[in-house]
Amino acid sequence: MNVWAIVVICNRRLSESPSFISAISQPDIQVVVCDNSTESLNNQEEARQAGAWYLSMQGNKGLSKAYNRSLEFIKPNHPDWVVILDDDTKLTDHYWNTLRSLKTDQAIHIPVVKTDSGMIISPAEMRWDLPVAAKDIDRIKDLTAINSGMVLPGDLAAHQRYDERLFLDNVDHQFLKDCKSEHVKIEIMSTELIQDFSAEEADFDQLARRFRIFKRDTIAYYSKNPWKGRFILLKRRLRLFAQCRKLEALFL
């Protein structure tokens, strides 16, 4: 089986990325590192020493562009499967073994992803074009999921691309929405991963920069339903104001 894994990393050393460490430990998996870092962290040398392919984006060009460049790099190798990973997901041997047992078909396969506390964050259900937590993953009507751990069939990975209007937020949901519009099936894998969320940043300037990315992506994602985008942005502004108690948050 010809399997490739994409790890997009940003301002983190590869040796500190649980996703990379797990992927590179699999002797039958080819690993491509796409580096969105704005800091010099010697990731190219770490990738070389580990036997991984390395692509530099020369700065943070966004998640969608990083995945697309990686998919183009992999395309000539005609993989059976392409694994999509971020840099902070804890993968298990059970995940890789489940992947190896997949039959080559045209379905996207997604794992169950939980937080350290056990809350399921993926898959989720789209309701009125909003991703919401699923109470019962076996009864999801309109399925969506996060990127990390997603397994793409090689034929799909050869032509399907991420929407480069989106920098970070909703990149995964738009990708699956585009796939579903082409009647691509999505199957839930019988394996679980842990998403290692970082502690929430308390510095207002950094939170404001993060909000501006969210704002741009939300406007693009809801370009056909701008009222919904404005409502979501209002809720996020109020949440930011409650967190920081700074009036500027309401006018970002």
C-alpha atoms as a PDB file:
ATOM      1  CA  MET A   1       0.000   0.000   0.000  1.00  0.00           C
ATOM      2  CA  ASN A   2       1.342   3.418  -1.015  1.00  0.00           C
ATOM      3  CA  VAL A   3       0.483   5.846   1.815  1.00  0.00           C
ATOM      4  CA  TRP A   4       1.683   9.431   2.242  1.00  0.00           C
ATOM      5  CA  ALA A   5       1.148  11.674   5.270  1.00  0.00           C
ATOM      6  CA  ILE A   6       1.148  15.472   5.180  1.00  0.00           C
ATOM      7  CA  VAL A   7       2.163  17.307   8.353  1.00  0.00           C
ATOM      8  CA  VAL A   8       1.667  21.087   8.283  1.00  0.00           C
ATOM      9  CA  ILE A   9       3.732  22.719  10.994  1.00  0.00           C
ATOM     10  CA  CYS A  10       3.811  26.329  12.173  1.00  0.00           C
ATOM     11  CA  ASN A  11       6.331  27.805  14.626  1.00  0.00           C
ATOM     12  CA  ARG A  12       6.938  24.473  16.298  1.00  0.00           C
ATOM     13  CA  ARG A  13       9.965  22.214  16.117  1.00  0.00           C
ATOM     14  CA  LEU A  14       9.298  18.897  14.427  1.00  0.00           C
ATOM     15  CA  SER A  15      10.778  17.113  17.416  1.00  0.00           C
ATOM     16  CA  GLU A  16       7.970  18.661  19.514  1.00  0.00           C
ATOM     17  CA  SER A  17       5.153  17.699  17.135  1.00  0.00           C
ATOM     18  CA  PRO A  18       3.283  14.547  18.242  1.00  0.00           C
ATOM     19  CA  SER A  19       1.789  14.199  14.755  1.00  0.00           C
ATOM     20  CA  PHE A  20       5.191  14.180  13.067  1.00  0.00           C
ATOM     21  CA  ILE A  21       6.776  11.888  15.648  1.00  0.00           C
ATOM     22  CA  SER A  22       3.998   9.344  15.188  1.00  0.00           C
ATOM     23  CA  ALA A  23       3.939   9.531  11.389  1.00  0.00           C
ATOM     24  CA  ILE A  24       7.689   9.280  10.931  1.00  0.00           C
ATOM     25  CA  SER A  25       7.802   6.228  13.220  1.00  0.00           C
ATOM     26  CA  GLN A  26       5.748   4.268  10.678  1.00  0.00           C
ATOM     27  CA  PRO A  27       8.278   2.605   8.342  1.00  0.00           C
ATOM     28  CA  ASP A  28       5.796   2.152   5.499  1.00  0.00           C
ATOM     29  CA  ILE A  29       4.486   5.753   5.485  1.00  0.00           C
ATOM     30  CA  GLN A  30       6.078   8.522   3.395  1.00  0.00           C
ATOM     31  CA  VAL A  31       5.958  11.818   5.307  1.00  0.00           C
ATOM     32  CA  VAL A  32       5.850  15.305   3.794  1.00  0.00           C
ATOM     33  CA  VAL A  33       6.429  18.255   6.123  1.00  0.00           C
ATOM     34  CA  CYS A  34       5.022  21.565   4.911  1.00  0.00           C
ATOM     35  CA  ASP A  35       6.461  24.363   7.017  1.00  0.00           C
ATOM     36  CA  ASN A  36       4.338  27.486   7.553  1.00  0.00           C
ATOM     37  CA  SER A  37       6.682  28.814  10.235  1.00  0.00           C
ATOM     38  CA  THR A  38       7.666  32.450  10.510  1.00  0.00           C
ATOM     39  CA  GLU A  39      10.527  31.549  12.872  1.00  0.00           C
ATOM     40  CA  SER A  40      13.789  29.766  12.096  1.00  0.00           C
ATOM     41  CA  LEU A  41      13.542  26.410  13.890  1.00  0.00           C
ATOM     42  CA  ASN A  42      15.846  24.104  11.890  1.00  0.00           C
ATOM     43  CA  ASN A  43      12.891  21.997  10.783  1.00  0.00           C
ATOM     44  CA  GLN A  44      14.413  21.313   7.381  1.00  0.00           C
ATOM     45  CA  GLU A  45      17.404  19.578   8.948  1.00  0.00           C
ATOM     46  CA  GLU A  46      15.199  17.668  11.397  1.00  0.00           C
ATOM     47  CA  ALA A  47      13.034  16.473   8.518  1.00  0.00           C
ATOM     48  CA  ARG A  48      16.104  15.399   6.528  1.00  0.00           C
ATOM     49  CA  GLN A  49      17.555  13.460   9.436  1.00  0.00           C
ATOM     50  CA  ALA A  50      14.226  11.717  10.038  1.00  0.00           C
ATOM     51  CA  GLY A  51      13.846  10.753   6.379  1.00  0.00           C
ATOM     52  CA  ALA A  52      10.898  13.040   5.621  1.00  0.00           C
ATOM     53  CA  TRP A  53      10.320  15.275   2.620  1.00  0.00           C
ATOM     54  CA  TYR A  54      10.404  19.003   3.437  1.00  0.00           C
ATOM     55  CA  LEU A  55       8.552  21.910   1.811  1.00  0.00           C
ATOM     56  CA  SER A  56       8.937  25.495   3.006  1.00  0.00           C
ATOM     57  CA  MET A  57       6.168  28.021   2.462  1.00  0.00           C
ATOM     58  CA  GLN A  58       8.639  30.855   3.211  1.00  0.00           C
ATOM     59  CA  GLY A  59       6.402  32.161   5.977  1.00  0.00           C
ATOM     60  CA  ASN A  60       2.833  31.501   7.016  1.00  0.00           C
ATOM     61  CA  LYS A  61       0.833  31.409   3.793  1.00  0.00           C
ATOM     62  CA  GLY A  62      -2.162  29.759   5.404  1.00  0.00           C
ATOM     63  CA  LEU A  63      -3.338  26.221   5.994  1.00  0.00           C
ATOM     64  CA  SER A  64      -5.190  25.763   2.713  1.00  0.00           C
ATOM     65  CA  LYS A  65      -2.189  26.776   0.584  1.00  0.00           C
ATOM     66  CA  ALA A  66       0.114  24.522   2.592  1.00  0.00           C
ATOM     67  CA  TYR A  67      -2.128  21.488   2.103  1.00  0.00           C
ATOM     68  CA  ASN A  68      -2.566  22.246  -1.589  1.00  0.00           C
ATOM     69  CA  ARG A  69       1.164  22.551  -2.182  1.00  0.00           C
ATOM     70  CA  SER A  70       1.712  19.250  -0.383  1.00  0.00           C
ATOM     71  CA  LEU A  71      -0.989  17.516  -2.410  1.00  0.00           C
ATOM     72  CA  GLU A  72       0.610  18.754  -5.632  1.00  0.00           C
ATOM     73  CA  PHE A  73       3.994  17.482  -4.443  1.00  0.00           C
ATOM     74  CA  ILE A  74       2.589  14.041  -3.674  1.00  0.00           C
ATOM     75  CA  LYS A  75       0.462  13.734  -6.822  1.00  0.00           C
ATOM     76  CA  PRO A  76       3.157  12.261  -9.156  1.00  0.00           C
ATOM     77  CA  ASN A  77       3.659   9.373  -6.707  1.00  0.00           C
ATOM     78  CA  HIS A  78       0.102   8.087  -7.244  1.00  0.00           C
ATOM     79  CA  PRO A  79      -0.630   7.244  -3.580  1.00  0.00           C
ATOM     80  CA  ASP A  80      -3.391   4.896  -2.518  1.00  0.00           C
ATOM     81  CA  TRP A  81      -4.096   7.074   0.507  1.00  0.00           C
ATOM     82  CA  VAL A  82      -3.074  10.534   1.737  1.00  0.00           C
ATOM     83  CA  VAL A  83      -3.244  11.299   5.461  1.00  0.00           C
ATOM     84  CA  ILE A  84      -3.891  14.921   6.450  1.00  0.00           C
ATOM     85  CA  LEU A  85      -2.320  16.024   9.743  1.00  0.00           C
ATOM     86  CA  ASP A  86      -1.727  19.203  11.696  1.00  0.00           C
ATOM     87  CA  ASP A  87       1.182  19.419  14.124  1.00  0.00           C
ATOM     88  CA  ASP A  88      -0.508  18.797  17.478  1.00  0.00           C
ATOM     89  CA  THR A  89      -2.572  15.616  17.245  1.00  0.00           C
ATOM     90  CA  LYS A  90      -1.731  12.512  19.286  1.00  0.00           C
ATOM     91  CA  LEU A  91      -2.016   9.466  17.044  1.00  0.00           C
ATOM     92  CA  THR A  92      -1.982   5.841  18.126  1.00  0.00           C
ATOM     93  CA  ASP A  93      -0.730   2.593  16.634  1.00  0.00           C
ATOM     94  CA  HIS A  94      -4.377   1.571  16.409  1.00  0.00           C
ATOM     95  CA  TYR A  95      -5.002   4.507  14.066  1.00  0.00           C
ATOM     96  CA  TRP A  96      -2.193   3.480  11.707  1.00  0.00           C
ATOM     97  CA  ASN A  97      -3.241  -0.166  11.780  1.00  0.00           C
ATOM     98  CA  THR A  98      -6.835   0.809  11.036  1.00  0.00           C
ATOM     99  CA  LEU A  99      -5.564   2.843   8.097  1.00  0.00           C
ATOM    100  CA  ARG A 100      -3.628  -0.137   6.776  1.00  0.00           C
ATOM    101  CA  SER A 101      -6.776  -2.247   6.894  1.00  0.00           C
ATOM    102  CA  LEU A 102      -8.801   0.155   4.741  1.00  0.00           C
ATOM    103  CA  LYS A 103      -9.878  -1.113   1.372  1.00  0.00           C
ATOM    104  CA  THR A 104      -8.970   1.118  -1.556  1.00  0.00           C
ATOM    105  CA  ASP A 105     -12.150   2.964  -2.456  1.00  0.00           C
ATOM    106  CA  GLN A 106     -13.446   6.452  -3.148  1.00  0.00           C
ATOM    107  CA  ALA A 107     -14.549   7.322   0.393  1.00  0.00           C
ATOM    108  CA  ILE A 108     -12.884   9.793   2.744  1.00  0.00           C
ATOM    109  CA  HIS A 109     -12.192   8.200   6.123  1.00  0.00           C
ATOM    110  CA  ILE A 110     -12.133  10.261   9.313  1.00  0.00           C
ATOM    111  CA  PRO A 111     -11.216   9.208  12.861  1.00  0.00           C
ATOM    112  CA  VAL A 112     -13.029  10.178  16.021  1.00  0.00           C
ATOM    113  CA  VAL A 113     -11.076  13.065  17.573  1.00  0.00           C
ATOM    114  CA  LYS A 114     -11.390  13.954  21.247  1.00  0.00           C
ATOM    115  CA  THR A 115      -9.905  16.510  23.609  1.00  0.00           C
ATOM    116  CA  ASP A 116      -7.797  15.385  26.567  1.00  0.00           C
ATOM    117  CA  SER A 117     -10.951  15.639  28.686  1.00  0.00           C
ATOM    118  CA  GLY A 118     -12.784  13.192  26.410  1.00  0.00           C
ATOM    119  CA  MET A 119     -15.080  15.602  24.556  1.00  0.00           C
ATOM    120  CA  ILE A 120     -15.677  14.630  20.924  1.00  0.00           C
ATOM    121  CA  ILE A 121     -14.762  17.466  18.551  1.00  0.00           C
ATOM    122  CA  SER A 122     -14.821  15.473  15.326  1.00  0.00           C
ATOM    123  CA  PRO A 123     -16.833  14.286  13.536  1.00  0.00           C
ATOM    124  CA  ALA A 124     -19.457  16.968  13.971  1.00  0.00           C
ATOM    125  CA  GLU A 125     -22.761  17.802  12.342  1.00  0.00           C
ATOM    126  CA  MET A 126     -23.504  20.719  10.029  1.00  0.00           C
ATOM    127  CA  ARG A 127     -26.718  22.507  10.967  1.00  0.00           C
ATOM    128  CA  TRP A 128     -27.694  25.593   8.996  1.00  0.00           C
ATOM    129  CA  ASP A 129     -24.112  25.641   7.708  1.00  0.00           C
ATOM    130  CA  LEU A 130     -22.715  25.719  11.245  1.00  0.00           C
ATOM    131  CA  PRO A 131     -20.588  22.868  12.671  1.00  0.00           C
ATOM    132  CA  VAL A 132     -21.996  21.701  15.997  1.00  0.00           C
ATOM    133  CA  ALA A 133     -20.956  18.913  18.343  1.00  0.00           C
ATOM    134  CA  ALA A 134     -22.662  15.614  17.585  1.00  0.00           C
ATOM    135  CA  LYS A 135     -24.463  13.896  20.451  1.00  0.00           C
ATOM    136  CA  ASP A 136     -24.424  10.571  18.611  1.00  0.00           C
ATOM    137  CA  ILE A 137     -21.841  10.168  15.847  1.00  0.00           C
ATOM    138  CA  ASP A 138     -23.768   7.226  14.421  1.00  0.00           C
ATOM    139  CA  ARG A 139     -26.769   9.434  13.676  1.00  0.00           C
ATOM    140  CA  ILE A 140     -25.168  12.458  12.038  1.00  0.00           C
ATOM    141  CA  LYS A 141     -27.214  13.641   9.068  1.00  0.00           C
ATOM    142  CA  ASP A 142     -24.771  16.142   7.533  1.00  0.00           C
ATOM    143  CA  LEU A 143     -21.290  15.087   8.591  1.00  0.00           C
ATOM    144  CA  THR A 144     -18.257  17.337   8.861  1.00  0.00           C
ATOM    145  CA  ALA A 145     -14.867  16.903  10.525  1.00  0.00           C
ATOM    146  CA  ILE A 146     -11.550  18.532  11.284  1.00  0.00           C
ATOM    147  CA  ASN A 147      -8.535  17.941   9.063  1.00  0.00           C
ATOM    148  CA  SER A 148      -6.194  16.092  11.349  1.00  0.00           C
ATOM    149  CA  GLY A 149      -6.304  12.348  10.826  1.00  0.00           C
ATOM    150  CA  MET A 150      -8.460  12.611   7.703  1.00  0.00           C
ATOM    151  CA  VAL A 151      -7.587   9.973   5.095  1.00  0.00           C
ATOM    152  CA  LEU A 152      -8.120  10.844   1.429  1.00  0.00           C
ATOM    153  CA  PRO A 153      -8.264   8.216  -1.321  1.00  0.00           C
ATOM    154  CA  GLY A 154      -5.481   8.736  -3.847  1.00  0.00           C
ATOM    155  CA  ASP A 155      -7.801   9.499  -6.774  1.00  0.00           C
ATOM    156  CA  LEU A 156      -9.515  12.251  -4.799  1.00  0.00           C
ATOM    157  CA  ALA A 157      -6.214  13.679  -3.515  1.00  0.00           C
ATOM    158  CA  ALA A 158      -5.032  13.943  -7.112  1.00  0.00           C
ATOM    159  CA  HIS A 159      -7.608  16.585  -8.017  1.00  0.00           C
ATOM    160  CA  GLN A 160      -9.520  17.911  -4.993  1.00  0.00           C
ATOM    161  CA  ARG A 161      -8.038  21.051  -3.447  1.00  0.00           C
ATOM    162  CA  TYR A 162      -8.603  23.266  -0.430  1.00  0.00           C
ATOM    163  CA  ASP A 163     -10.249  26.666  -0.862  1.00  0.00           C
ATOM    164  CA  GLU A 164      -7.395  29.169  -0.750  1.00  0.00           C
ATOM    165  CA  ARG A 165      -9.712  32.042   0.168  1.00  0.00           C
ATOM    166  CA  LEU A 166      -9.570  30.539   3.657  1.00  0.00           C
ATOM    167  CA  PHE A 167      -6.421  31.025   5.716  1.00  0.00           C
ATOM    168  CA  LEU A 168      -7.177  28.906   8.787  1.00  0.00           C
ATOM    169  CA  ASP A 169     -10.781  28.758   9.981  1.00  0.00           C
ATOM    170  CA  ASN A 170     -13.335  26.503   8.265  1.00  0.00           C
ATOM    171  CA  VAL A 171     -10.683  25.180   5.865  1.00  0.00           C
ATOM    172  CA  ASP A 172     -11.666  21.611   6.733  1.00  0.00           C
ATOM    173  CA  HIS A 173     -15.426  22.199   6.662  1.00  0.00           C
ATOM    174  CA  GLN A 174     -15.261  23.882   3.249  1.00  0.00           C
ATOM    175  CA  PHE A 175     -13.120  21.050   1.888  1.00  0.00           C
ATOM    176  CA  LEU A 176     -15.634  18.427   2.977  1.00  0.00           C
ATOM    177  CA  LYS A 177     -18.509  20.549   1.725  1.00  0.00           C
ATOM    178  CA  ASP A 178     -16.836  20.688  -1.703  1.00  0.00           C
ATOM    179  CA  CYS A 179     -16.250  16.930  -1.630  1.00  0.00           C
ATOM    180  CA  LYS A 180     -19.867  16.221  -0.710  1.00  0.00           C
ATOM    181  CA  SER A 181     -21.026  18.410  -3.604  1.00  0.00           C
ATOM    182  CA  GLU A 182     -19.240  15.882  -5.843  1.00  0.00           C
ATOM    183  CA  HIS A 183     -21.029  13.027  -4.016  1.00  0.00           C
ATOM    184  CA  VAL A 184     -17.875  11.754  -2.302  1.00  0.00           C
ATOM    185  CA  LYS A 185     -18.691   9.407   0.575  1.00  0.00           C
ATOM    186  CA  ILE A 186     -17.356  10.030   4.079  1.00  0.00           C
ATOM    187  CA  GLU A 187     -16.856   7.122   6.471  1.00  0.00           C
ATOM    188  CA  ILE A 188     -16.036   7.207  10.194  1.00  0.00           C
ATOM    189  CA  MET A 189     -13.041   5.081  11.194  1.00  0.00           C
ATOM    190  CA  SER A 190     -13.184   2.837  14.253  1.00  0.00           C
ATOM    191  CA  THR A 191     -10.305   4.602  15.969  1.00  0.00           C
ATOM    192  CA  GLU A 192      -9.776   7.638  18.206  1.00  0.00           C
ATOM    193  CA  LEU A 193      -7.204  10.448  18.307  1.00  0.00           C
ATOM    194  CA  ILE A 194      -6.501  13.144  20.887  1.00  0.00           C
ATOM    195  CA  GLN A 195      -6.247  16.786  19.865  1.00  0.00           C
ATOM    196  CA  ASP A 196      -3.713  18.620  22.014  1.00  0.00           C
ATOM    197  CA  PHE A 197      -5.180  22.105  22.354  1.00  0.00           C
ATOM    198  CA  SER A 198      -2.766  24.752  23.595  1.00  0.00           C
ATOM    199  CA  ALA A 199      -3.686  26.928  26.537  1.00  0.00           C
ATOM    200  CA  GLU A 200      -5.781  29.904  25.463  1.00  0.00           C
ATOM    201  CA  GLU A 201      -3.672  33.015  24.916  1.00  0.00           C
ATOM    202  CA  ALA A 202      -4.483  35.852  27.331  1.00  0.00           C
ATOM    203  CA  ASP A 203      -2.573  38.676  25.599  1.00  0.00           C
ATOM    204  CA  PHE A 204      -5.113  40.978  23.913  1.00  0.00           C
ATOM    205  CA  ASP A 205      -2.901  41.885  20.954  1.00  0.00           C
ATOM    206  CA  GLN A 206      -2.423  38.234  20.043  1.00  0.00           C
ATOM    207  CA  LEU A 207      -6.105  37.486  20.553  1.00  0.00           C
ATOM    208  CA  ALA A 208      -6.960  40.460  18.341  1.00  0.00           C
ATOM    209  CA  ARG A 209      -4.672  39.178  15.589  1.00  0.00           C
ATOM    210  CA  ARG A 210      -6.314  35.779  15.853  1.00  0.00           C
ATOM    211  CA  PHE A 211      -9.745  37.390  15.643  1.00  0.00           C
ATOM    212  CA  ARG A 212      -8.802  39.256  12.456  1.00  0.00           C
ATOM    213  CA  ILE A 213      -7.872  35.927  10.815  1.00  0.00           C
ATOM    214  CA  PHE A 214     -11.161  34.459  11.996  1.00  0.00           C
ATOM    215  CA  LYS A 215     -13.015  37.504  10.666  1.00  0.00           C
ATOM    216  CA  ARG A 216     -11.487  37.275   7.210  1.00  0.00           C
ATOM    217  CA  ASP A 217     -12.139  33.537   6.972  1.00  0.00           C
ATOM    218  CA  THR A 218     -15.696  33.872   8.274  1.00  0.00           C
ATOM    219  CA  ILE A 219     -16.542  36.537   5.701  1.00  0.00           C
ATOM    220  CA  ALA A 220     -15.156  34.311   2.931  1.00  0.00           C
ATOM    221  CA  TYR A 221     -16.826  31.133   4.181  1.00  0.00           C
ATOM    222  CA  TYR A 222     -20.229  32.767   4.536  1.00  0.00           C
ATOM    223  CA  SER A 223     -19.960  34.905   1.412  1.00  0.00           C
ATOM    224  CA  LYS A 224     -23.305  33.509   0.199  1.00  0.00           C
ATOM    225  CA  ASN A 225     -24.923  34.045   3.622  1.00  0.00           C
ATOM    226  CA  PRO A 226     -23.339  37.289   4.902  1.00  0.00           C
ATOM    227  CA  TRP A 227     -25.962  37.776   7.620  1.00  0.00           C
ATOM    228  CA  LYS A 228     -24.862  34.491   9.198  1.00  0.00           C
ATOM    229  CA  GLY A 229     -21.222  35.562   9.064  1.00  0.00           C
ATOM    230  CA  ARG A 230     -22.065  38.863  10.762  1.00  0.00           C
ATOM    231  CA  PHE A 231     -23.957  37.032  13.509  1.00  0.00           C
ATOM    232  CA  ILE A 232     -21.031  34.672  14.159  1.00  0.00           C
ATOM    233  CA  LEU A 233     -18.581  37.581  14.265  1.00  0.00           C
ATOM    234  CA  LEU A 234     -20.789  39.430  16.751  1.00  0.00           C
ATOM    235  CA  LYS A 235     -20.816  36.393  19.046  1.00  0.00           C
ATOM    236  CA  ARG A 236     -17.025  36.082  18.799  1.00  0.00           C
ATOM    237  CA  ARG A 237     -16.547  39.800  19.570  1.00  0.00           C
ATOM    238  CA  LEU A 238     -18.738  39.503  22.645  1.00  0.00           C
ATOM    239  CA  ARG A 239     -16.801  36.456  23.794  1.00  0.00           C
ATOM    240  CA  LEU A 240     -13.520  38.312  23.311  1.00  0.00           C
ATOM    241  CA  PHE A 241     -14.844  41.309  25.227  1.00  0.00           C
ATOM    242  CA  ALA A 242     -15.962  39.068  28.099  1.00  0.00           C
ATOM    243  CA  GLN A 243     -12.516  37.465  28.160  1.00  0.00           C
ATOM    244  CA  CYS A 244     -10.410  40.644  28.010  1.00  0.00           C
ATOM    245  CA  ARG A 245     -12.764  43.372  29.223  1.00  0.00           C
ATOM    246  CA  LYS A 246     -11.442  45.728  26.543  1.00  0.00           C
ATOM    247  CA  LEU A 247     -13.881  47.901  24.639  1.00  0.00           C
ATOM    248  CA  GLU A 248     -11.716  47.631  21.502  1.00  0.00           C
ATOM    249  CA  ALA A 249     -12.805  44.024  21.163  1.00  0.00           C
ATOM    250  CA  LEU A 250     -16.267  45.136  20.066  1.00  0.00           C
ATOM    251  CA  PHE A 251     -14.874  47.145  17.149  1.00  0.00           C
ATOM    252  CA  LEU A 252     -12.382  44.716  15.636  1.00  0.00           C
END
